[in-house]
Amino acid sequence: MQYRFVPKNGDKLSVLGFGCMRLPLKGETVDESRAIKQIRLAIDNGVNYVDSAMPYHMGESEKILGKALQDGYRDKVKVATKLTPFMLQKPDDMQKMLDTQLQKLQTDHIDYYLLHGLDETNWKKLQGFGALKFLEKAQKEGKIINQSFSFHGSLKTFKEIIQANDWVMCQIQYNYLDERLQAGTEGLQFAATHKLAVVVMEPLRGGGLAQRLSTDAKRFFDDAPVKRDPAEWGLRWVWNHPEVTVVLSGMNDENQVAENIKTAKTALPNTLTPDELGIIKNVADAYRRLLKVNCTGCQYCLPCPSGVNIPNNFQAYNDLYLGNPQQARNMYAMFLMGKMTGIRADATLCRKCQQCVERCPQHINIPTKLTEVAEKLDGVKTEEI
């Protein structure tokens, strides 16, 4: 395993971190035993940074991670979890959330505690709640070790947050499609100049850059002199940046764990050639031309009070244009219109309540996009074959 150092505390972290937002499922719930095995497999192979949050898997992620870290595994890793603004109604809720997380994780301290999903609105809310003083108090009590934050806002807000506190780490969305989205490359470099470790989330955009490339995009990888699958290309692009400390992967398959660990051993900074970077740029340009909605499948928008599975609707909508339209229509009919499950979760159920808009890290106008999904995929147009 390759390791990189945290500038402000000297922690030696694996460049591959295990993100617990997309654990393996059995039906609609997490396959707990399989998730625990995968987390431990990663740790046994050198991964020493694990990341979760209260909203992941409707509150189950931290609980399962806590179980996975029993039997001596807790001592082998740095644990990160988050203080989630949209789950807080009043300042006292911050302490309640932290205490609940410590209990779920079965630990007496959290190594990296992040203010979660900050943008201008959430940052102002947490400032009003006295979040920085709360972090300082929790740190003095030994309940958290390092003050950190994750981010989904504008570059301007990102720089303001970095300059507002003595952070140890930040977490940003970054991949070859999002060089100028949110913090982007400029934010990555700004954080590094302020000696912050940088953890990268969504390196493959929820699997979209690994599994849902169009034929036009994928052909650039297929024609490359060096043979790598799309996931390896995407991860290597992120690790090529020396400012990146850890890349989180939401691994939910044993093969993914093994493949990502293998890549992490050799994906050193500044090792991609100009030709290889050109290939990746061509893929990004081809992908971007077809993408209809900028959704990464993070599920922060859920649960929807009307029962819409928003990420799956957007995935079907994008897939309609990414190379296999009939499959997209079939999946929409079977799993979203309820032909197989008997339960509807399709776009036409949206009542435009706006709750999802407030939660979306990508700032998507979700009701408007769901209207587009319904226009393209609903009704007779989506009869299963």
Foldseek 3Di string as FASTA:
>chain_A
DQWDAQQPPGDTFQQEEAEQQQAPDDPLAHPLVLSLVLVVVLLVLPHAEYEYECPRRPRCRLLSQLVSCPPPNVVSHQYEYEDEQVVDDALVVSVVRLVVSCVSNVHQAHAEYAHEADEPVSVVSCVVSVVVVVVVVCCVVRRYPFYEYEYQYALVVLLVVPVPDLGRAYEYEDWLLVQPHHNHPVNLVSCVVSSHAYEYECLPLQCCQQPQAAPQLCVLQVPDPDHDGRVLLSVLVVQQAPSHRYYYDNDHDNVVSVVVSVSSVPSHHNPQDPVSVVSSNSSSVRLVVQQDFSHSQSCQLDDDPLQAPQVLLSVLVSSCRRHDVLVSLQCCVPPAVPPPPVDHRALVSDPLPCSSCVRDSNNTSRNVVSVVSCVCRDDPNSDHD
